[in-house]
PDB file of all heavy atoms in Angstrom:
ATOM      1  N   MET A   1     -90.119 -36.989  47.861  1.00  0.00           N
ATOM      2  CA  MET A   1     -89.593 -36.931  46.526  1.00  0.00           C
ATOM      3  C   MET A   1     -90.458 -37.781  45.611  1.00  0.00           C
ATOM      4  O   MET A   1     -90.837 -38.885  45.987  1.00  0.00           O
ATOM      5  CB  MET A   1     -88.133 -37.397  46.464  1.00  0.00           C
ATOM      6  CG  MET A   1     -87.203 -36.539  47.199  1.00  0.00           C
ATOM      7  SD  MET A   1     -87.163 -34.815  46.616  1.00  0.00           S
ATOM      8  CE  MET A   1     -85.991 -34.911  45.295  1.00  0.00           C
ATOM      9  N   ALA A   2     -90.805 -37.244  44.426  1.00  0.00           N
ATOM     10  CA  ALA A   2     -91.753 -37.943  43.567  1.00  0.00           C
ATOM     11  C   ALA A   2     -91.304 -37.799  42.078  1.00  0.00           C
ATOM     12  O   ALA A   2     -90.610 -36.864  41.677  1.00  0.00           O
ATOM     13  CB  ALA A   2     -93.134 -37.343  43.767  1.00  0.00           C
ATOM     14  N   VAL A   3     -91.825 -38.749  41.325  1.00  0.00           N
ATOM     15  CA  VAL A   3     -91.772 -38.700  39.875  1.00  0.00           C
ATOM     16  C   VAL A   3     -93.213 -38.818  39.381  1.00  0.00           C
ATOM     17  O   VAL A   3     -93.791 -39.851  39.497  1.00  0.00           O
ATOM     18  CB  VAL A   3     -90.909 -39.864  39.307  1.00  0.00           C
ATOM     19  CG1 VAL A   3     -90.945 -39.816  37.803  1.00  0.00           C
ATOM     20  CG2 VAL A   3     -89.482 -39.821  39.809  1.00  0.00           C
ATOM     21  N   PRO A   4     -93.747 -37.684  38.801  1.00  0.00           N
ATOM     22  CA  PRO A   4     -95.091 -37.797  38.272  1.00  0.00           C
ATOM     23  C   PRO A   4     -95.171 -38.632  37.041  1.00  0.00           C
ATOM     24  O   PRO A   4     -94.171 -38.710  36.306  1.00  0.00           O
ATOM     25  CB  PRO A   4     -95.470 -36.325  37.944  1.00  0.00           C
ATOM     26  CG  PRO A   4     -94.369 -35.479  38.461  1.00  0.00           C
ATOM     27  CD  PRO A   4     -93.178 -36.354  38.694  1.00  0.00           C
ATOM     28  N   ALA A   5     -96.299 -39.300  36.748  1.00  0.00           N
ATOM     29  CA  ALA A   5     -96.408 -40.246  35.651  1.00  0.00           C
ATOM     30  C   ALA A   5     -96.160 -39.615  34.291  1.00  0.00           C
ATOM     31  O   ALA A   5     -95.700 -40.291  33.384  1.00  0.00           O
ATOM     32  CB  ALA A   5     -97.819 -40.853  35.703  1.00  0.00           C
ATOM     33  N   PHE A   6     -96.408 -38.322  34.185  1.00  0.00           N
ATOM     34  CA  PHE A   6     -96.275 -37.688  32.799  1.00  0.00           C
ATOM     35  C   PHE A   6     -94.848 -37.269  32.484  1.00  0.00           C
ATOM     36  O   PHE A   6     -94.627 -36.743  31.385  1.00  0.00           O
ATOM     37  CB  PHE A   6     -97.255 -36.498  32.681  1.00  0.00           C
ATOM     38  CG  PHE A   6     -97.046 -35.475  33.819  1.00  0.00           C
ATOM     39  CD1 PHE A   6     -96.033 -34.574  33.730  1.00  0.00           C
ATOM     40  CD2 PHE A   6     -97.893 -35.486  34.900  1.00  0.00           C
ATOM     41  CE1 PHE A   6     -95.833 -33.647  34.753  1.00  0.00           C
ATOM     42  CE2 PHE A   6     -97.734 -34.554  35.909  1.00  0.00           C
ATOM     43  CZ  PHE A   6     -96.680 -33.622  35.834  1.00  0.00           C
ATOM     44  N   VAL A   7     -93.871 -37.487  33.360  1.00  0.00           N
ATOM     45  CA  VAL A   7     -92.531 -37.051  33.094  1.00  0.00           C
ATOM     46  C   VAL A   7     -91.801 -38.101  32.216  1.00  0.00           C
ATOM     47  O   VAL A   7     -91.846 -39.267  32.483  1.00  0.00           O
ATOM     48  CB  VAL A   7     -91.731 -36.881  34.483  1.00  0.00           C
ATOM     49  CG1 VAL A   7     -90.249 -36.692  34.193  1.00  0.00           C
ATOM     50  CG2 VAL A   7     -92.280 -35.693  35.210  1.00  0.00           C
ATOM     51  N   GLY A   8     -91.154 -37.634  31.187  1.00  0.00           N
ATOM     52  CA  GLY A   8     -90.331 -38.504  30.394  1.00  0.00           C
ATOM     53  C   GLY A   8     -91.178 -39.412  29.482  1.00  0.00           C
ATOM     54  O   GLY A   8     -92.334 -39.210  29.242  1.00  0.00           O
ATOM     55  N   HIS A   9     -90.504 -40.453  28.863  1.00  0.00           N
ATOM     56  CA  HIS A   9     -91.104 -41.359  27.953  1.00  0.00           C
ATOM     57  C   HIS A   9     -91.009 -42.767  28.571  1.00  0.00           C
ATOM     58  O   HIS A   9     -90.243 -43.005  29.475  1.00  0.00           O
ATOM     59  CB  HIS A   9     -90.355 -41.393  26.609  1.00  0.00           C
ATOM     60  CG  HIS A   9     -90.377 -40.040  25.979  1.00  0.00           C
ATOM     61  ND1 HIS A   9     -91.487 -39.461  25.411  1.00  0.00           N
ATOM     62  CD2 HIS A   9     -89.372 -39.123  25.870  1.00  0.00           C
ATOM     63  CE1 HIS A   9     -91.143 -38.262  24.948  1.00  0.00           C
ATOM     64  NE2 HIS A   9     -89.887 -38.053  25.212  1.00  0.00           N
ATOM     65  N   LYS A  10     -91.822 -43.717  28.018  1.00  0.00           N
ATOM     66  CA  LYS A  10     -91.787 -45.096  28.545  1.00  0.00           C
ATOM     67  C   LYS A  10     -90.387 -45.612  28.612  1.00  0.00           C
ATOM     68  O   LYS A  10     -89.571 -45.394  27.694  1.00  0.00           O
ATOM     69  CB  LYS A  10     -92.655 -45.988  27.638  1.00  0.00           C
ATOM     70  CG  LYS A  10     -92.863 -47.350  28.164  1.00  0.00           C
ATOM     71  CD  LYS A  10     -93.848 -48.074  27.262  1.00  0.00           C
ATOM     72  CE  LYS A  10     -94.126 -49.520  27.670  1.00  0.00           C
ATOM     73  NZ  LYS A  10     -93.150 -50.271  28.384  1.00  0.00           N
ATOM     74  N   ASN A  11     -90.060 -46.288  29.717  1.00  0.00           N
ATOM     75  CA  ASN A  11     -88.763 -46.871  30.000  1.00  0.00           C
ATOM     76  C   ASN A  11     -87.642 -45.880  30.285  1.00  0.00           C
ATOM     77  O   ASN A  11     -86.524 -46.306  30.506  1.00  0.00           O
ATOM     78  CB  ASN A  11     -88.311 -47.800  28.863  1.00  0.00           C
ATOM     79  CG  ASN A  11     -89.297 -48.960  28.664  1.00  0.00           C
ATOM     80  OD1 ASN A  11     -90.051 -49.295  29.522  1.00  0.00           O
ATOM     81  ND2 ASN A  11     -89.259 -49.541  27.448  1.00  0.00           N
ATOM     82  N   ASP A  12     -87.954 -44.577  30.325  1.00  0.00           N
ATOM     83  CA  ASP A  12     -86.935 -43.615  30.845  1.00  0.00           C
ATOM     84  C   ASP A  12     -86.717 -43.894  32.298  1.00  0.00           C
ATOM     85  O   ASP A  12     -87.574 -44.356  33.010  1.00  0.00           O
ATOM     86  CB  ASP A  12     -87.448 -42.185  30.651  1.00  0.00           C
ATOM     87  CG  ASP A  12     -87.211 -41.614  29.275  1.00  0.00           C
ATOM     88  OD1 ASP A  12     -86.723 -42.358  28.402  1.00  0.00           O
ATOM     89  OD2 ASP A  12     -87.556 -40.440  29.055  1.00  0.00           O
ATOM     90  N   MET A  13     -85.538 -43.507  32.747  1.00  0.00           N
ATOM     91  CA  MET A  13     -85.142 -43.711  34.200  1.00  0.00           C
ATOM     92  C   MET A  13     -84.780 -42.430  34.860  1.00  0.00           C
ATOM     93  O   MET A  13     -84.192 -41.565  34.273  1.00  0.00           O
ATOM     94  CB  MET A  13     -83.902 -44.581  34.255  1.00  0.00           C
ATOM     95  CG  MET A  13     -83.952 -45.880  33.522  1.00  0.00           C
ATOM     96  SD  MET A  13     -84.793 -47.137  34.500  1.00  0.00           S
ATOM     97  CE  MET A  13     -84.524 -48.502  33.468  1.00  0.00           C
ATOM     98  N   GLY A  14     -85.178 -42.375  36.175  1.00  0.00           N
ATOM     99  CA  GLY A  14     -84.705 -41.277  37.036  1.00  0.00           C
ATOM    100  C   GLY A  14     -84.078 -41.881  38.288  1.00  0.00           C
ATOM    101  O   GLY A  14     -84.656 -42.795  38.873  1.00  0.00           O
ATOM    102  N   ARG A  15     -82.916 -41.424  38.655  1.00  0.00           N
ATOM    103  CA  ARG A  15     -82.224 -41.999  39.810  1.00  0.00           C
ATOM    104  C   ARG A  15     -81.879 -40.943  40.848  1.00  0.00           C
ATOM    105  O   ARG A  15     -81.381 -39.919  40.524  1.00  0.00           O
ATOM    106  CB  ARG A  15     -80.943 -42.696  39.350  1.00  0.00           C
ATOM    107  CG  ARG A  15     -81.178 -43.920  38.503  1.00  0.00           C
ATOM    108  CD  ARG A  15     -79.885 -44.641  38.153  1.00  0.00           C
ATOM    109  NE  ARG A  15     -80.151 -45.477  37.019  1.00  0.00           N
ATOM    110  CZ  ARG A  15     -79.933 -45.076  35.707  1.00  0.00           C
ATOM    111  NH1 ARG A  15     -79.419 -43.878  35.477  1.00  0.00           N
ATOM    112  NH2 ARG A  15     -80.209 -45.858  34.733  1.00  0.00           N
ATOM    113  N   LEU A  16     -82.206 -41.289  42.102  1.00  0.00           N
ATOM    114  CA  LEU A  16     -81.915 -40.453  43.200  1.00  0.00           C
ATOM    115  C   LEU A  16     -80.984 -41.235  44.132  1.00  0.00           C
ATOM    116  O   LEU A  16     -81.289 -42.362  44.572  1.00  0.00           O
ATOM    117  CB  LEU A  16     -83.201 -40.108  43.946  1.00  0.00           C
ATOM    118  CG  LEU A  16     -83.186 -39.068  45.031  1.00  0.00           C
ATOM    119  CD1 LEU A  16     -82.666 -37.750  44.507  1.00  0.00           C
ATOM    120  CD2 LEU A  16     -84.549 -38.886  45.646  1.00  0.00           C
ATOM    121  N   LYS A  17     -79.815 -40.690  44.430  1.00  0.00           N
ATOM    122  CA  LYS A  17     -78.816 -41.440  45.152  1.00  0.00           C
ATOM    123  C   LYS A  17     -78.583 -40.929  46.566  1.00  0.00           C
ATOM    124  O   LYS A  17     -78.471 -39.755  46.724  1.00  0.00           O
ATOM    125  CB  LYS A  17     -77.471 -41.352  44.359  1.00  0.00           C
ATOM    126  CG  LYS A  17     -76.424 -42.331  44.827  1.00  0.00           C
ATOM    127  CD  LYS A  17     -75.197 -42.221  43.929  1.00  0.00           C
ATOM    128  CE  LYS A  17     -75.372 -42.994  42.644  1.00  0.00           C
ATOM    129  NZ  LYS A  17     -74.117 -43.112  41.875  1.00  0.00           N
ATOM    130  N   LEU A  18     -78.590 -41.849  47.529  1.00  0.00           N
ATOM    131  CA  LEU A  18     -78.318 -41.530  48.929  1.00  0.00           C
ATOM    132  C   LEU A  18     -76.864 -41.926  49.170  1.00  0.00           C
ATOM    133  O   LEU A  18     -76.478 -43.062  49.053  1.00  0.00           O
ATOM    134  CB  LEU A  18     -79.238 -42.285  49.830  1.00  0.00           C
ATOM    135  CG  LEU A  18     -78.936 -42.267  51.317  1.00  0.00           C
ATOM    136  CD1 LEU A  18     -78.971 -40.864  51.888  1.00  0.00           C
ATOM    137  CD2 LEU A  18     -79.958 -43.133  52.070  1.00  0.00           C
ATOM    138  N   LEU A  19     -75.986 -40.944  49.491  1.00  0.00           N
ATOM    139  CA  LEU A  19     -74.604 -41.216  49.750  1.00  0.00           C
ATOM    140  C   LEU A  19     -74.403 -41.566  51.198  1.00  0.00           C
ATOM    141  O   LEU A  19     -74.860 -40.851  52.107  1.00  0.00           O
ATOM    142  CB  LEU A  19     -73.728 -39.983  49.386  1.00  0.00           C
ATOM    143  CG  LEU A  19     -73.901 -39.480  47.959  1.00  0.00           C
ATOM    144  CD1 LEU A  19     -73.027 -38.260  47.722  1.00  0.00           C
ATOM    145  CD2 LEU A  19     -73.579 -40.579  46.962  1.00  0.00           C
ATOM    146  N   LEU A  20     -73.776 -42.722  51.439  1.00  0.00           N
ATOM    147  CA  LEU A  20     -73.582 -43.205  52.794  1.00  0.00           C
ATOM    148  C   LEU A  20     -72.056 -43.112  53.055  1.00  0.00           C
ATOM    149  O   LEU A  20     -71.298 -43.813  52.389  1.00  0.00           O
ATOM    150  CB  LEU A  20     -74.017 -44.660  52.914  1.00  0.00           C
ATOM    151  CG  LEU A  20     -75.499 -44.883  52.566  1.00  0.00           C
ATOM    152  CD1 LEU A  20     -75.790 -46.352  52.504  1.00  0.00           C
ATOM    153  CD2 LEU A  20     -76.372 -44.225  53.619  1.00  0.00           C
ATOM    154  N   THR A  21     -71.656 -42.366  54.106  1.00  0.00           N
ATOM    155  CA  THR A  21     -70.212 -42.219  54.247  1.00  0.00           C
ATOM    156  C   THR A  21     -69.663 -42.942  55.475  1.00  0.00           C
ATOM    157  O   THR A  21     -68.558 -43.446  55.401  1.00  0.00           O
ATOM    158  CB  THR A  21     -69.889 -40.720  54.404  1.00  0.00           C
ATOM    159  OG1 THR A  21     -70.849 -40.132  55.256  1.00  0.00           O
ATOM    160  CG2 THR A  21     -69.933 -40.044  53.052  1.00  0.00           C
ATOM    161  N   ASP A  22     -70.424 -43.061  56.560  1.00  0.00           N
ATOM    162  CA  ASP A  22     -69.837 -43.564  57.766  1.00  0.00           C
ATOM    163  C   ASP A  22     -70.264 -44.986  58.213  1.00  0.00           C
ATOM    164  O   ASP A  22     -70.327 -45.274  59.364  1.00  0.00           O
ATOM    165  CB  ASP A  22     -70.191 -42.586  58.931  1.00  0.00           C
ATOM    166  CG  ASP A  22     -69.638 -41.187  58.640  1.00  0.00           C
ATOM    167  OD1 ASP A  22     -68.594 -41.142  58.003  1.00  0.00           O
ATOM    168  OD2 ASP A  22     -70.348 -40.203  58.963  1.00  0.00           O
ATOM    169  N   LEU A  23     -70.672 -45.823  57.229  1.00  0.00           N
ATOM    170  CA  LEU A  23     -71.044 -47.187  57.707  1.00  0.00           C
ATOM    171  C   LEU A  23     -69.795 -48.000  58.038  1.00  0.00           C
ATOM    172  O   LEU A  23     -68.798 -48.002  57.356  1.00  0.00           O
ATOM    173  CB  LEU A  23     -71.789 -47.884  56.575  1.00  0.00           C
ATOM    174  CG  LEU A  23     -73.114 -47.239  56.112  1.00  0.00           C
ATOM    175  CD1 LEU A  23     -73.902 -48.167  55.233  1.00  0.00           C
ATOM    176  CD2 LEU A  23     -74.008 -46.790  57.281  1.00  0.00           C
ATOM    177  N   LYS A  24     -69.949 -48.697  59.205  1.00  0.00           N
ATOM    178  CA  LYS A  24     -68.793 -49.490  59.635  1.00  0.00           C
ATOM    179  C   LYS A  24     -68.731 -50.826  58.907  1.00  0.00           C
ATOM    180  O   LYS A  24     -69.755 -51.433  58.695  1.00  0.00           O
ATOM    181  CB  LYS A  24     -68.927 -49.752  61.167  1.00  0.00           C
ATOM    182  CG  LYS A  24     -68.840 -48.545  61.974  1.00  0.00           C
ATOM    183  CD  LYS A  24     -68.995 -48.886  63.469  1.00  0.00           C
ATOM    184  CE  LYS A  24     -68.978 -47.644  64.344  1.00  0.00           C
ATOM    185  NZ  LYS A  24     -70.142 -46.785  64.169  1.00  0.00           N
ATOM    186  N   PRO A  25     -67.529 -51.298  58.521  1.00  0.00           N
ATOM    187  CA  PRO A  25     -67.399 -52.596  57.913  1.00  0.00           C
ATOM    188  C   PRO A  25     -67.836 -53.729  58.897  1.00  0.00           C
ATOM    189  O   PRO A  25     -67.830 -53.532  60.121  1.00  0.00           O
ATOM    190  CB  PRO A  25     -65.890 -52.712  57.598  1.00  0.00           C
ATOM    191  CG  PRO A  25     -65.323 -51.344  57.711  1.00  0.00           C
ATOM    192  CD  PRO A  25     -66.247 -50.596  58.639  1.00  0.00           C
ATOM    193  N   LYS A  26     -68.234 -54.808  58.330  1.00  0.00           N
ATOM    194  CA  LYS A  26     -68.636 -55.989  59.063  1.00  0.00           C
ATOM    195  C   LYS A  26     -69.755 -55.721  60.064  1.00  0.00           C
ATOM    196  O   LYS A  26     -69.752 -56.211  61.199  1.00  0.00           O
ATOM    197  CB  LYS A  26     -67.435 -56.647  59.787  1.00  0.00           C
ATOM    198  CG  LYS A  26     -66.372 -57.118  58.806  1.00  0.00           C
ATOM    199  CD  LYS A  26     -65.414 -58.098  59.446  1.00  0.00           C
ATOM    200  CE  LYS A  26     -64.498 -58.788  58.492  1.00  0.00           C
ATOM    201  NZ  LYS A  26     -64.126 -58.079  57.286  1.00  0.00           N
ATOM    202  N   SER A  27     -70.684 -54.929  59.650  1.00  0.00           N
ATOM    203  CA  SER A  27     -71.882 -54.711  60.538  1.00  0.00           C
ATOM    204  C   SER A  27     -73.110 -54.627  59.647  1.00  0.00           C
ATOM    205  O   SER A  27     -73.000 -54.407  58.393  1.00  0.00           O
ATOM    206  CB  SER A  27     -71.710 -53.407  61.358  1.00  0.00           C
ATOM    207  OG  SER A  27     -71.211 -52.360  60.543  1.00  0.00           O
ATOM    208  N   SER A  28     -74.275 -54.833  60.216  1.00  0.00           N
ATOM    209  CA  SER A  28     -75.488 -54.762  59.387  1.00  0.00           C
ATOM    210  C   SER A  28     -76.322 -53.549  59.775  1.00  0.00           C
ATOM    211  O   SER A  28     -76.339 -53.069  60.862  1.00  0.00           O
ATOM    212  CB  SER A  28     -76.260 -56.079  59.500  1.00  0.00           C
ATOM    213  OG  SER A  28     -76.510 -56.378  60.829  1.00  0.00           O
ATOM    214  N   TYR A  29     -77.052 -53.148  58.737  1.00  0.00           N
ATOM    215  CA  TYR A  29     -77.941 -51.968  58.821  1.00  0.00           C
ATOM    216  C   TYR A  29     -79.256 -52.358  58.168  1.00  0.00           C
ATOM    217  O   TYR A  29     -79.366 -53.262  57.397  1.00  0.00           O
ATOM    218  CB  TYR A  29     -77.327 -50.776  58.060  1.00  0.00           C
ATOM    219  CG  TYR A  29     -76.054 -50.295  58.708  1.00  0.00           C
ATOM    220  CD1 TYR A  29     -74.818 -50.826  58.366  1.00  0.00           C
ATOM    221  CD2 TYR A  29     -76.073 -49.273  59.673  1.00  0.00           C
ATOM    222  CE1 TYR A  29     -73.679 -50.367  58.944  1.00  0.00           C
ATOM    223  CE2 TYR A  29     -74.897 -48.821  60.250  1.00  0.00           C
ATOM    224  CZ  TYR A  29     -73.674 -49.378  59.907  1.00  0.00           C
ATOM    225  OH  TYR A  29     -72.536 -48.935  60.490  1.00  0.00           O
ATOM    226  N   CYS A  30     -80.239 -51.537  58.494  1.00  0.00           N
ATOM    227  CA  CYS A  30     -81.538 -51.687  57.829  1.00  0.00           C
ATOM    228  C   CYS A  30     -81.982 -50.345  57.316  1.00  0.00           C
ATOM    229  O   CYS A  30     -81.970 -49.351  58.066  1.00  0.00           O
ATOM    230  CB  CYS A  30     -82.579 -52.175  58.838  1.00  0.00           C
ATOM    231  SG  CYS A  30     -84.199 -52.422  58.089  1.00  0.00           S
ATOM    232  N   LEU A  31     -82.285 -50.308  56.022  1.00  0.00           N
ATOM    233  CA  LEU A  31     -82.814 -49.095  55.381  1.00  0.00           C
ATOM    234  C   LEU A  31     -84.330 -49.252  55.343  1.00  0.00           C
ATOM    235  O   LEU A  31     -84.829 -50.207  54.736  1.00  0.00           O
ATOM    236  CB  LEU A  31     -82.234 -48.955  53.981  1.00  0.00           C
ATOM    237  CG  LEU A  31     -82.631 -47.658  53.270  1.00  0.00           C
ATOM    238  CD1 LEU A  31     -81.803 -46.496  53.807  1.00  0.00           C
ATOM    239  CD2 LEU A  31     -82.400 -47.785  51.794  1.00  0.00           C
ATOM    240  N   ILE A  32     -85.078 -48.341  55.970  1.00  0.00           N
ATOM    241  CA  ILE A  32     -86.506 -48.361  55.939  1.00  0.00           C
ATOM    242  C   ILE A  32     -86.991 -47.124  55.271  1.00  0.00           C
ATOM    243  O   ILE A  32     -86.454 -46.035  55.485  1.00  0.00           O
ATOM    244  CB  ILE A  32     -87.019 -48.429  57.421  1.00  0.00           C
ATOM    245  CG1 ILE A  32     -86.447 -49.628  58.170  1.00  0.00           C
ATOM    246  CG2 ILE A  32     -88.533 -48.464  57.501  1.00  0.00           C
ATOM    247  CD1 ILE A  32     -86.777 -49.689  59.637  1.00  0.00           C
TER     248      ILE A  32
END
């Protein structure tokens, strides 16, 4: 997934969200 430099105007934002549903409470994970 990419955002080319010519998209939008200076300081515009694009957000891509990863939904996490099954993470167990009180445990640690690493996102790489």
